[in-house]
Amino acid sequence: MRELLHRIARRCPTHDRASYAATSRLEHQLGMEPSPPPDSITDQFMDPALIDCGHSWCRTRRRT
């Protein structure tokens, strides 16, 4: 049921969550002090913009 609701709302669990890479880019653009990196090395370097989640509606939404 949860997956169906995500699909109806066009929400993507991969691309709709904050990542350290995206947050640090935004902090840099805004001239803010960088936040400390997460403990996990995977979480530090994971960039959702580089991941193809397989949802055609997600790819279309992110291009615009």
N, C-alpha and C. Protein backbone atom coordinates (compact mmCIF):
# COMPACT_ATOMS: atom_id res chain seq x y z
N MET A 1 0.82 -1.19 0.00
CA MET A 1 0.00 0.00 0.00
C MET A 1 0.87 1.26 0.00
N ARG A 2 1.93 1.22 0.81
CA ARG A 2 2.83 2.38 0.89
C ARG A 2 3.48 2.67 -0.47
N GLU A 3 3.88 1.61 -1.16
CA GLU A 3 4.49 1.77 -2.48
C GLU A 3 3.49 2.38 -3.47
N LEU A 4 2.25 1.97 -3.39
CA LEU A 4 1.21 2.53 -4.25
C LEU A 4 1.01 4.01 -3.97
N LEU A 5 1.00 4.40 -2.71
CA LEU A 5 0.85 5.81 -2.36
C LEU A 5 2.03 6.65 -2.85
N HIS A 6 3.24 6.09 -2.76
CA HIS A 6 4.42 6.78 -3.29
C HIS A 6 4.28 6.97 -4.80
N ARG A 7 3.80 5.96 -5.47
CA ARG A 7 3.63 6.02 -6.93
C ARG A 7 2.58 7.06 -7.32
N ILE A 8 1.47 7.09 -6.61
CA ILE A 8 0.41 8.06 -6.91
C ILE A 8 0.92 9.49 -6.68
N ALA A 9 1.67 9.69 -5.60
CA ALA A 9 2.20 11.02 -5.28
C ALA A 9 3.46 11.34 -6.07
N ARG A 10 3.94 10.36 -6.86
CA ARG A 10 5.18 10.49 -7.63
C ARG A 10 6.36 10.84 -6.72
N ARG A 11 6.45 10.11 -5.62
CA ARG A 11 7.55 10.26 -4.69
C ARG A 11 8.54 9.14 -4.92
N CYS A 12 9.80 9.44 -4.82
CA CYS A 12 10.85 8.46 -5.05
C CYS A 12 11.70 8.34 -3.78
N PRO A 13 11.78 7.16 -3.19
CA PRO A 13 12.58 7.02 -1.97
C PRO A 13 14.07 7.28 -2.20
N THR A 14 14.54 7.16 -3.43
CA THR A 14 15.94 7.42 -3.73
C THR A 14 16.21 8.90 -3.89
N HIS A 15 15.37 9.61 -4.61
CA HIS A 15 15.64 11.00 -4.96
C HIS A 15 14.98 12.03 -4.07
N ASP A 16 14.03 11.65 -3.25
CA ASP A 16 13.34 12.61 -2.40
C ASP A 16 13.91 12.71 -1.00
N ARG A 17 15.03 12.10 -0.75
CA ARG A 17 15.63 12.22 0.58
C ARG A 17 16.92 13.04 0.46
N ALA A 18 17.23 13.74 1.51
CA ALA A 18 18.42 14.59 1.50
C ALA A 18 19.68 13.73 1.49
N SER A 19 20.67 14.16 0.75
CA SER A 19 21.95 13.47 0.74
C SER A 19 23.02 14.47 1.16
N TYR A 20 24.10 13.96 1.69
CA TYR A 20 25.18 14.84 2.14
C TYR A 20 25.77 15.60 0.95
N ALA A 21 25.90 14.94 -0.20
CA ALA A 21 26.48 15.59 -1.39
C ALA A 21 25.62 16.78 -1.82
N ALA A 22 24.31 16.59 -1.89
CA ALA A 22 23.41 17.67 -2.30
C ALA A 22 23.38 18.78 -1.25
N THR A 23 23.37 18.40 0.02
CA THR A 23 23.34 19.38 1.09
C THR A 23 24.62 20.21 1.10
N SER A 24 25.77 19.56 0.93
CA SER A 24 27.03 20.31 0.95
C SER A 24 27.14 21.24 -0.25
N ARG A 25 26.62 20.83 -1.43
CA ARG A 25 26.62 21.74 -2.59
C ARG A 25 25.77 22.97 -2.31
N LEU A 26 24.60 22.75 -1.72
CA LEU A 26 23.71 23.86 -1.39
C LEU A 26 24.34 24.77 -0.35
N GLU A 27 24.97 24.21 0.67
CA GLU A 27 25.64 25.02 1.68
C GLU A 27 26.74 25.86 1.05
N HIS A 28 27.49 25.27 0.14
CA HIS A 28 28.57 25.99 -0.55
C HIS A 28 27.99 27.15 -1.38
N GLN A 29 26.91 26.89 -2.11
CA GLN A 29 26.29 27.93 -2.94
C GLN A 29 25.75 29.07 -2.09
N LEU A 30 25.26 28.76 -0.91
CA LEU A 30 24.70 29.79 -0.03
C LEU A 30 25.75 30.45 0.85
N GLY A 31 26.99 29.97 0.76
CA GLY A 31 28.07 30.55 1.55
C GLY A 31 27.98 30.19 3.03
N MET A 32 27.39 29.07 3.31
CA MET A 32 27.22 28.64 4.70
C MET A 32 28.40 27.78 5.15
N GLU A 33 28.54 27.66 6.44
CA GLU A 33 29.51 26.78 7.05
C GLU A 33 29.15 25.33 6.71
N PRO A 34 30.09 24.51 6.22
CA PRO A 34 29.73 23.12 5.86
C PRO A 34 29.37 22.29 7.09
N SER A 35 28.36 21.46 6.94
CA SER A 35 27.95 20.58 8.04
C SER A 35 28.91 19.40 8.11
N PRO A 36 29.04 18.79 9.28
CA PRO A 36 29.95 17.64 9.41
C PRO A 36 29.43 16.46 8.59
N PRO A 37 30.34 15.71 7.99
CA PRO A 37 29.91 14.56 7.18
C PRO A 37 29.35 13.44 8.05
N PRO A 38 28.49 12.61 7.47
CA PRO A 38 27.96 11.47 8.23
C PRO A 38 29.07 10.46 8.52
N ASP A 39 28.83 9.61 9.49
CA ASP A 39 29.83 8.61 9.88
C ASP A 39 30.10 7.59 8.78
N SER A 40 29.06 7.23 8.04
CA SER A 40 29.19 6.21 7.00
C SER A 40 29.83 6.79 5.74
N ILE A 41 30.86 6.15 5.23
CA ILE A 41 31.53 6.61 4.01
C ILE A 41 30.59 6.53 2.81
N THR A 42 29.69 5.54 2.82
CA THR A 42 28.72 5.41 1.74
C THR A 42 27.78 6.61 1.72
N ASP A 43 27.31 7.02 2.88
CA ASP A 43 26.41 8.18 2.97
C ASP A 43 27.13 9.48 2.61
N GLN A 44 28.42 9.56 2.85
CA GLN A 44 29.18 10.76 2.52
C GLN A 44 29.24 11.01 1.02
N PHE A 45 29.39 9.96 0.24
CA PHE A 45 29.62 10.12 -1.19
C PHE A 45 28.46 9.72 -2.08
N MET A 46 27.35 9.24 -1.49
CA MET A 46 26.19 8.87 -2.30
C MET A 46 25.53 10.14 -2.85
N ASP A 47 25.35 10.18 -4.16
CA ASP A 47 24.70 11.32 -4.80
C ASP A 47 23.50 10.81 -5.58
N PRO A 48 22.28 11.08 -5.11
CA PRO A 48 21.09 10.57 -5.78
C PRO A 48 20.95 11.04 -7.22
N ALA A 49 21.55 12.17 -7.56
CA ALA A 49 21.46 12.68 -8.93
C ALA A 49 22.14 11.73 -9.92
N LEU A 50 23.04 10.89 -9.44
CA LEU A 50 23.76 9.96 -10.32
C LEU A 50 23.10 8.58 -10.40
N ILE A 51 22.07 8.36 -9.61
CA ILE A 51 21.43 7.05 -9.52
C ILE A 51 20.17 7.01 -10.39
N ASP A 52 20.07 5.97 -11.19
CA ASP A 52 18.85 5.76 -11.97
C ASP A 52 17.96 4.81 -11.18
N CYS A 53 16.87 5.33 -10.66
CA CYS A 53 15.99 4.53 -9.80
C CYS A 53 15.08 3.62 -10.62
N GLY A 54 14.97 3.87 -11.92
CA GLY A 54 14.14 3.02 -12.76
C GLY A 54 12.73 3.53 -12.96
N HIS A 55 12.34 4.59 -12.27
CA HIS A 55 11.01 5.14 -12.44
C HIS A 55 11.01 6.16 -13.57
N SER A 56 10.23 5.91 -14.61
CA SER A 56 10.20 6.84 -15.75
C SER A 56 9.67 8.20 -15.33
N TRP A 57 8.69 8.24 -14.43
CA TRP A 57 8.13 9.50 -13.98
C TRP A 57 9.13 10.30 -13.16
N CYS A 58 10.04 9.63 -12.50
CA CYS A 58 11.05 10.32 -11.69
C CYS A 58 12.08 10.98 -12.59
N ARG A 59 12.52 10.29 -13.64
CA ARG A 59 13.47 10.88 -14.58
C ARG A 59 12.89 12.09 -15.25
N THR A 60 11.62 12.03 -15.62
CA THR A 60 10.95 13.17 -16.27
C THR A 60 10.86 14.34 -15.32
N ARG A 61 10.48 14.09 -14.08
CA ARG A 61 10.32 15.15 -13.09
C ARG A 61 11.65 15.83 -12.78
N ARG A 62 12.76 15.06 -12.70
CA ARG A 62 14.05 15.63 -12.33
C ARG A 62 14.65 16.46 -13.45
N ARG A 63 14.28 16.20 -14.70
CA ARG A 63 14.81 16.98 -15.82
C ARG A 63 14.27 18.39 -15.84
N THR A 64 13.07 18.58 -15.35
CA THR A 64 12.44 19.90 -15.43
C THR A 64 12.84 20.77 -14.27
